[in-house]
Amino acid sequence: MKNKIVKDALILFAITICAGLLLGLTHTVTEKPIAEQQIKIRDAALNSVLNDCQFTPVEADLSKQPVIKEIYAAKKNDEINGYAFKLVTKEGYGGEIELIVGINSDATISGIDIIKHSETPGLGANADSDKFKEQYKGKPTDQLTVVKDGADSDSEIDALSGATISSRAVTNAVNVASQYFNDNFSEGAQ
């Protein structure tokens, strides 16, 4: 009886070790391709919000801005054309929303691109639709608000039907990028 318990324990231990090694090996093999794919997705998003630019990371203390993860200076012909912000907001209905916000040097939003989200299909997931994202283009870097009955001014964004939380999450992230731009990169910034 005692030998059977020891034998079963050793078999279970061996299975656990093998499973752990296989899991570690799988992680090691897939880590680099996953990182490369994430860089490709980020680069495509950067180019979609500020087209035909070279992007250089901006060194900045982002400890007071936990939503902003990375900032890039967008250069065209050796002149800064604008800035791109990679943001991750936790305000989404389905969890985190990761996006890129582009802001032109003239303090207008050049565009947004949603990189990753887990919003409800058919509702909050529509935040990644061109129709919703196009609303941000050309808007000034003032604080934007989400409205449910049609945007009437430059400072309003029309909410997605049935997905006001997702609409607000994206808009709040855009507002964080706009505020950072106004405080640090606009003509009147110190």
Protein backbone atom coordinates (compact mmCIF):
# COMPACT_ATOMS: atom_id res chain seq x y z
CA MET A 1 0.00 0.00 0.00
CA LYS A 2 2.77 2.42 0.98
CA ASN A 3 4.69 1.61 -2.23
CA LYS A 4 1.61 2.36 -4.36
CA ILE A 5 1.22 5.83 -2.77
CA VAL A 6 4.90 6.62 -3.35
CA LYS A 7 4.70 5.29 -6.91
CA ASP A 8 1.58 7.38 -7.67
CA ALA A 9 3.21 10.47 -6.15
CA LEU A 10 6.35 9.99 -8.26
CA ILE A 11 4.29 9.53 -11.43
CA LEU A 12 2.30 12.68 -10.66
CA PHE A 13 5.55 14.55 -9.93
CA ALA A 14 7.06 13.41 -13.26
CA ILE A 15 3.93 14.47 -15.16
CA THR A 16 4.01 17.88 -13.46
CA ILE A 17 7.70 18.37 -14.30
CA CYS A 18 7.12 17.40 -17.95
CA ALA A 19 4.11 19.72 -18.25
CA GLY A 20 6.07 22.58 -16.68
CA LEU A 21 9.01 22.06 -19.02
CA LEU A 22 6.73 21.92 -22.07
CA LEU A 23 4.96 25.09 -20.96
CA GLY A 24 8.28 26.87 -20.42
CA LEU A 25 9.57 25.70 -23.80
CA THR A 26 6.39 26.89 -25.53
CA HIS A 27 6.73 30.30 -23.88
CA THR A 28 10.37 30.59 -24.94
CA VAL A 29 9.63 29.60 -28.54
CA THR A 30 6.63 31.94 -28.95
CA GLU A 31 7.87 34.96 -26.96
CA LYS A 32 9.94 36.55 -29.75
CA PRO A 33 7.36 36.08 -32.57
CA ILE A 34 4.62 37.52 -30.34
CA ALA A 35 6.78 40.57 -29.51
CA GLU A 36 7.60 41.07 -33.20
CA GLN A 37 3.91 40.89 -34.12
CA GLN A 38 3.03 43.44 -31.43
CA ILE A 39 5.66 45.82 -32.84
CA LYS A 40 4.21 45.40 -36.35
CA ILE A 41 0.71 46.16 -35.07
CA ARG A 42 1.97 49.22 -33.17
CA ASP A 43 3.91 50.50 -36.19
CA ALA A 44 0.89 50.07 -38.47
CA ALA A 45 -1.24 52.00 -35.97
CA LEU A 46 1.36 54.78 -35.73
CA ASN A 47 1.40 55.10 -39.52
CA SER A 48 -2.39 55.13 -39.69
CA VAL A 49 -2.66 58.15 -37.37
CA LEU A 50 0.33 60.13 -38.69
CA ASN A 51 1.04 58.98 -42.24
CA ASP A 52 4.46 59.03 -43.93
CA CYS A 53 6.39 59.93 -40.78
CA GLN A 54 9.44 58.58 -39.01
CA PHE A 55 8.73 57.85 -35.35
CA THR A 56 11.19 58.46 -32.54
CA PRO A 57 10.40 57.54 -28.93
CA VAL A 58 10.17 60.56 -26.62
CA GLU A 59 11.81 60.25 -23.22
CA ALA A 60 9.25 61.41 -20.67
CA ASP A 61 8.33 60.82 -17.05
CA LEU A 62 4.93 59.19 -17.41
CA SER A 63 4.56 58.22 -13.74
CA LYS A 64 1.80 60.82 -13.28
CA GLN A 65 0.05 59.66 -16.46
CA PRO A 66 -0.50 55.90 -16.03
CA VAL A 67 -2.79 55.76 -19.08
CA ILE A 68 0.03 56.95 -21.39
CA LYS A 69 2.46 54.11 -22.06
CA GLU A 70 4.64 55.53 -24.86
CA ILE A 71 5.07 58.81 -26.76
CA TYR A 72 6.57 59.18 -30.23
CA ALA A 73 7.67 62.28 -32.11
CA ALA A 74 6.49 62.02 -35.72
CA LYS A 75 8.99 63.59 -38.11
CA LYS A 76 8.60 64.33 -41.78
CA ASN A 77 11.54 65.90 -43.67
CA ASP A 78 13.42 66.30 -40.35
CA GLU A 79 10.65 68.47 -38.90
CA ILE A 80 8.28 67.42 -36.15
CA ASN A 81 4.89 66.88 -37.76
CA GLY A 82 3.14 65.80 -34.57
CA TYR A 83 3.14 63.30 -31.74
CA ALA A 84 1.68 59.84 -31.31
CA PHE A 85 0.60 58.49 -27.95
CA LYS A 86 0.16 54.83 -27.05
CA LEU A 87 -2.44 54.61 -24.29
CA VAL A 88 -4.06 51.82 -22.30
CA THR A 89 -7.30 52.67 -20.53
CA LYS A 90 -8.99 50.36 -18.05
CA GLU A 91 -12.32 52.16 -18.40
CA GLY A 92 -13.70 49.93 -21.17
CA TYR A 93 -16.82 47.89 -20.52
CA GLY A 94 -15.00 44.66 -21.35
CA GLY A 95 -11.65 45.63 -19.82
CA GLU A 96 -8.60 47.39 -21.17
CA ILE A 97 -8.59 49.29 -24.46
CA GLU A 98 -5.19 49.90 -26.06
CA LEU A 99 -5.02 52.67 -28.64
CA ILE A 100 -2.78 55.07 -30.52
CA VAL A 101 -3.72 58.76 -30.71
CA GLY A 102 -2.03 61.03 -33.23
CA ILE A 103 -1.88 64.79 -32.71
CA ASN A 104 -0.63 67.19 -35.37
CA SER A 105 1.73 70.05 -34.55
CA ASP A 106 -1.18 72.47 -35.09
CA ALA A 107 -2.94 70.94 -32.03
CA THR A 108 -5.55 68.96 -33.97
CA ILE A 109 -6.14 65.24 -33.66
CA SER A 110 -4.85 63.46 -36.75
CA GLY A 111 -6.57 60.20 -35.89
CA ILE A 112 -6.93 57.29 -33.51
CA ASP A 113 -6.42 53.57 -33.95
CA ILE A 114 -7.56 50.87 -31.55
CA ILE A 115 -4.82 48.25 -31.16
CA LYS A 116 -6.46 45.85 -28.74
CA HIS A 117 -9.74 45.58 -26.85
CA SER A 118 -12.11 43.06 -25.33
CA GLU A 119 -15.34 44.99 -25.79
CA THR A 120 -18.69 43.34 -26.55
CA PRO A 121 -18.93 42.27 -30.22
CA GLY A 122 -21.48 44.37 -32.09
CA LEU A 123 -21.55 47.06 -29.40
CA GLY A 124 -18.36 48.32 -27.75
CA ALA A 125 -16.24 46.53 -30.33
CA ASN A 126 -17.59 49.08 -32.83
CA ALA A 127 -15.19 51.58 -31.25
CA ASP A 128 -12.73 50.10 -33.74
CA SER A 129 -15.00 50.97 -36.69
CA ASP A 130 -13.87 53.62 -39.15
CA LYS A 131 -17.14 55.51 -38.66
CA PHE A 132 -16.47 55.97 -34.94
CA LYS A 133 -12.73 56.67 -35.28
CA GLU A 134 -13.24 59.23 -38.07
CA GLN A 135 -15.11 61.50 -35.64
CA TYR A 136 -11.84 62.38 -33.91
CA LYS A 137 -9.98 63.53 -37.03
CA GLY A 138 -9.43 67.26 -37.15
CA LYS A 139 -10.85 67.88 -33.66
CA PRO A 140 -8.94 70.42 -31.56
CA THR A 141 -7.01 69.19 -28.53
CA ASP A 142 -9.65 70.62 -26.21
CA GLN A 143 -11.48 68.30 -23.84
CA LEU A 144 -13.93 66.21 -25.85
CA THR A 145 -17.25 65.02 -24.47
CA VAL A 146 -19.41 62.07 -25.47
CA VAL A 147 -23.03 62.82 -26.38
CA LYS A 148 -25.80 60.36 -27.15
CA ASP A 149 -27.92 62.39 -29.55
CA GLY A 150 -25.52 63.48 -32.28
CA ALA A 151 -22.40 65.60 -32.03
CA ASP A 152 -23.13 69.25 -32.83
CA SER A 153 -19.80 70.90 -32.03
CA ASP A 154 -16.05 70.37 -32.42
CA SER A 155 -15.81 69.28 -28.80
CA GLU A 156 -18.40 66.50 -29.04
CA ILE A 157 -18.14 62.83 -30.02
CA ASP A 158 -21.27 60.87 -30.92
CA ALA A 159 -21.50 57.79 -28.66
CA LEU A 160 -21.80 54.33 -30.11
CA SER A 161 -25.37 53.07 -29.77
CA GLY A 162 -25.50 50.73 -26.78
CA ALA A 163 -21.84 51.32 -25.94
CA THR A 164 -21.60 54.63 -24.12
CA ILE A 165 -19.05 53.22 -21.66
CA SER A 166 -16.71 52.15 -24.47
CA SER A 167 -17.20 55.50 -26.23
CA ARG A 168 -16.33 57.38 -23.04
CA ALA A 169 -13.31 55.15 -22.37
CA VAL A 170 -11.82 55.91 -25.79
CA THR A 171 -12.68 59.62 -25.56
CA ASN A 172 -11.20 59.91 -22.06
CA ALA A 173 -7.97 58.34 -23.32
CA VAL A 174 -7.90 60.81 -26.23
CA ASN A 175 -8.43 63.62 -23.71
CA VAL A 176 -5.43 62.40 -21.66
CA ALA A 177 -3.23 62.50 -24.77
CA SER A 178 -4.59 65.92 -25.75
CA GLN A 179 -3.96 67.35 -22.29
CA TYR A 180 -0.41 65.98 -22.24
CA PHE A 181 0.20 67.44 -25.70
CA ASN A 182 -1.17 70.85 -24.65
CA ASP A 183 0.93 70.87 -21.47
CA ASN A 184 4.19 69.72 -23.07
CA PHE A 185 4.30 70.10 -26.85
CA SER A 186 1.95 72.88 -27.99
CA GLU A 187 3.28 76.35 -28.80
CA GLY A 188 2.17 77.75 -25.44
CA ALA A 189 3.70 74.90 -23.38
CA GLN A 190 6.56 75.67 -21.05
